[in-house]
């Protein structure tokens, strides 16, 4: 009887977890934030709708499997590939990085990226990016003030993501403990 109750409770927890993660993903899909996961070959493995539309596509399947280098200005691909390799290697000097990407209409935009390596067997990087400014000569001089403005905002966003991570870790740990006891 106790085993059936535990399985039922685990099923409820899993269902709630899936609803929460589904809701979070739905929010992230339509924020003006970009979600990007690249594998060790610099290939797009995950991205959200905001990034897909920004890149000029309608469907995620059109973007998955493409090289991220296709969306970078000429001459920037190797530098960003190096940043990506360092992130995968766990080097913290590229936790935050700002670079240009090319939008679907061919215009370069500056994006502030927050990068981390994905844990586990995958050698992927996971990044959340915020488009800051469209690149043009009269904007480069003002990047400092834009950076200060967004840093405050992004600190708050980071706290939210860390809280969500902690909640998920706590729930998963509790599920494992409950299962081990039975």
Protein backbone atom coordinates (compact mmCIF):
# COMPACT_ATOMS: atom_id res chain seq x y z
CA UNK A 1 0.00 0.00 0.00
CA UNK A 2 2.80 2.40 0.96
CA UNK A 3 4.64 1.70 -2.33
CA UNK A 4 1.51 2.52 -4.37
CA UNK A 5 1.08 5.77 -2.42
CA UNK A 6 4.73 6.71 -3.02
CA UNK A 7 4.42 6.02 -6.76
CA UNK A 8 1.26 8.13 -6.84
CA UNK A 9 3.00 11.00 -4.99
CA UNK A 10 6.02 10.76 -7.29
CA UNK A 11 3.68 10.90 -10.27
CA UNK A 12 2.04 14.04 -8.86
CA UNK A 13 5.42 15.66 -8.20
CA UNK A 14 6.61 14.80 -11.72
CA UNK A 15 3.41 16.22 -13.21
CA UNK A 16 3.79 19.48 -11.23
CA UNK A 17 7.49 19.68 -12.17
CA UNK A 18 6.61 19.27 -15.87
CA UNK A 19 3.95 21.97 -15.60
CA UNK A 20 6.39 24.38 -13.93
CA UNK A 21 9.20 23.72 -16.40
CA UNK A 22 6.72 23.96 -19.28
CA UNK A 23 5.47 27.29 -17.98
CA UNK A 24 9.01 28.61 -17.50
CA UNK A 25 9.93 27.54 -21.04
CA UNK A 26 6.79 29.22 -22.41
CA UNK A 27 7.82 32.44 -20.69
CA UNK A 28 11.39 32.20 -21.95
CA UNK A 29 10.17 31.57 -25.47
CA UNK A 30 8.53 34.95 -25.75
CA UNK A 31 10.72 37.21 -23.59
CA UNK A 32 13.17 39.45 -25.33
CA UNK A 33 15.87 37.10 -24.10
CA UNK A 34 17.67 34.62 -26.29
CA UNK A 35 18.20 31.02 -25.17
CA UNK A 36 20.99 29.16 -26.97
CA UNK A 37 22.68 25.79 -26.44
CA UNK A 38 25.62 24.84 -28.65
CA UNK A 39 27.27 21.44 -28.82
CA UNK A 40 31.01 20.83 -28.99
CA UNK A 41 30.92 21.31 -32.79
CA UNK A 42 29.47 24.86 -32.43
CA UNK A 43 26.11 23.59 -33.71
CA UNK A 44 22.79 24.94 -32.44
CA UNK A 45 21.05 22.28 -30.35
CA UNK A 46 18.47 24.41 -28.52
CA UNK A 47 17.09 27.92 -28.95
CA UNK A 48 13.90 29.76 -28.14
CA UNK A 49 11.32 31.39 -30.40
CA UNK A 50 12.62 34.91 -29.68
CA UNK A 51 16.04 34.02 -31.07
CA UNK A 52 14.58 32.11 -34.01
CA UNK A 53 12.47 35.09 -35.06
CA UNK A 54 15.36 37.50 -34.50
CA UNK A 55 17.51 35.37 -36.83
CA UNK A 56 14.79 35.63 -39.48
CA UNK A 57 13.28 32.16 -39.24
CA UNK A 58 9.78 30.94 -38.41
CA UNK A 59 10.41 27.44 -37.11
CA UNK A 60 12.92 25.95 -34.68
CA UNK A 61 13.63 23.09 -37.11
CA UNK A 62 15.04 25.62 -39.60
CA UNK A 63 17.73 26.66 -37.10
CA UNK A 64 18.61 23.48 -35.18
CA UNK A 65 21.73 21.83 -36.54
CA UNK A 66 23.10 24.99 -38.15
CA UNK A 67 26.50 26.32 -37.21
CA UNK A 68 26.28 29.31 -34.86
CA UNK A 69 29.02 30.86 -37.02
CA UNK A 70 26.42 31.47 -39.76
CA UNK A 71 24.86 34.15 -37.56
CA UNK A 72 28.05 36.00 -36.65
CA UNK A 73 29.66 38.88 -38.56
CA UNK A 74 32.61 38.03 -40.80
CA UNK A 75 35.81 37.70 -38.84
CA UNK A 76 34.08 37.07 -35.51
CA UNK A 77 33.40 33.33 -35.88
CA UNK A 78 36.78 32.05 -34.65
CA UNK A 79 36.81 34.39 -31.64
CA UNK A 80 33.32 33.28 -30.56
CA UNK A 81 34.20 29.62 -31.22
CA UNK A 82 37.14 30.14 -28.82
CA UNK A 83 34.80 31.64 -26.19
CA UNK A 84 32.48 28.65 -26.66
CA UNK A 85 35.38 26.18 -26.20
CA UNK A 86 36.44 27.95 -23.01
CA UNK A 87 32.88 27.85 -21.64
CA UNK A 88 32.64 24.11 -22.35
CA UNK A 89 35.99 23.66 -20.59
CA UNK A 90 34.49 25.36 -17.52
CA UNK A 91 36.65 28.47 -17.65
CA UNK A 92 34.85 31.25 -15.83
CA UNK A 93 36.50 34.13 -17.70
CA UNK A 94 33.74 33.96 -20.32
CA UNK A 95 30.78 33.68 -17.95
CA UNK A 96 29.63 37.00 -19.44
CA UNK A 97 30.45 38.04 -22.97
CA UNK A 98 29.18 40.68 -25.38
CA UNK A 99 29.32 40.31 -29.14
CA UNK A 100 27.47 41.07 -32.34
CA UNK A 101 25.12 38.70 -34.11
CA UNK A 102 23.40 39.23 -37.44
CA UNK A 103 19.61 39.55 -37.46
CA UNK A 104 17.37 38.12 -40.15
CA UNK A 105 17.40 41.44 -41.99
CA UNK A 106 21.20 41.34 -42.17
CA UNK A 107 21.85 44.01 -39.53
CA UNK A 108 24.35 43.48 -36.70
CA UNK A 109 23.11 43.78 -33.13
CA UNK A 110 25.03 43.70 -29.86
CA UNK A 111 23.99 40.92 -27.50
CA UNK A 112 25.08 40.48 -23.89
CA UNK A 113 25.47 36.74 -23.19
CA UNK A 114 25.55 34.88 -19.88
CA UNK A 115 27.23 31.54 -20.47
CA UNK A 116 27.66 28.28 -18.61
CA UNK A 117 28.60 24.74 -19.48
CA UNK A 118 25.92 22.09 -19.27
CA UNK A 119 26.70 19.53 -16.63
CA UNK A 120 26.81 15.86 -17.34
CA UNK A 121 27.92 13.93 -20.37
CA UNK A 122 27.06 16.66 -22.88
CA UNK A 123 29.87 18.98 -23.88
CA UNK A 124 27.55 21.88 -24.57
CA UNK A 125 27.40 25.52 -23.66
CA UNK A 126 24.16 27.10 -22.51
CA UNK A 127 23.69 30.84 -22.92
CA UNK A 128 21.05 33.42 -22.18
CA UNK A 129 21.45 36.55 -24.26
CA UNK A 130 19.91 39.98 -24.17
CA UNK A 131 19.97 42.16 -27.27
CA UNK A 132 21.36 45.49 -26.13
CA UNK A 133 21.75 47.85 -29.02
CA UNK A 134 21.67 47.83 -32.77
CA UNK A 135 25.19 48.37 -33.98
CA UNK A 136 25.88 51.69 -35.64
CA UNK A 137 28.70 54.22 -35.24
CA UNK A 138 26.80 56.66 -32.99
CA UNK A 139 25.75 53.89 -30.58
CA UNK A 140 29.17 52.46 -29.77
CA UNK A 141 29.98 55.50 -27.64
CA UNK A 142 26.94 54.85 -25.45
CA UNK A 143 27.55 51.16 -24.76
CA UNK A 144 28.80 51.91 -21.23
CA UNK A 145 25.53 53.45 -20.07
CA UNK A 146 23.54 50.64 -21.68
CA UNK A 147 25.80 48.11 -19.94
CA UNK A 148 25.22 49.69 -16.50
CA UNK A 149 21.46 49.77 -17.05
CA UNK A 150 21.23 46.12 -18.10
CA UNK A 151 23.65 44.84 -15.46
CA UNK A 152 21.23 45.84 -12.70
CA UNK A 153 18.36 44.21 -14.54
CA UNK A 154 20.31 41.06 -15.29
CA UNK A 155 21.45 40.68 -11.68
CA UNK A 156 17.81 40.41 -10.70
CA UNK A 157 17.13 37.92 -13.51
CA UNK A 158 20.09 35.82 -12.40
CA UNK A 159 18.69 35.69 -8.86
CA UNK A 160 15.38 34.40 -10.26
CA UNK A 161 17.12 31.68 -12.31
CA UNK A 162 19.23 30.65 -9.31
CA UNK A 163 16.10 30.44 -7.15
CA UNK A 164 14.40 28.23 -9.73
CA UNK A 165 17.48 26.00 -9.91
CA UNK A 166 17.53 25.68 -6.11
CA UNK A 167 13.83 24.82 -5.97
CA UNK A 168 14.26 22.13 -8.62
CA UNK A 169 17.33 20.66 -6.88
CA UNK A 170 15.45 20.57 -3.56
CA UNK A 171 12.45 18.86 -5.12
CA UNK A 172 14.56 16.28 -6.95
CA UNK A 173 16.58 15.61 -3.78
CA UNK A 174 13.37 15.15 -1.79
CA UNK A 175 12.01 12.75 -4.43
CA UNK A 176 15.23 10.71 -4.28
CA UNK A 177 15.15 10.61 -0.47
CA UNK A 178 11.48 9.59 -0.42
CA UNK A 179 12.18 6.83 -2.92
CA UNK A 180 15.24 5.60 -0.97
CA UNK A 181 13.22 5.34 2.26
CA UNK A 182 10.65 3.10 0.64
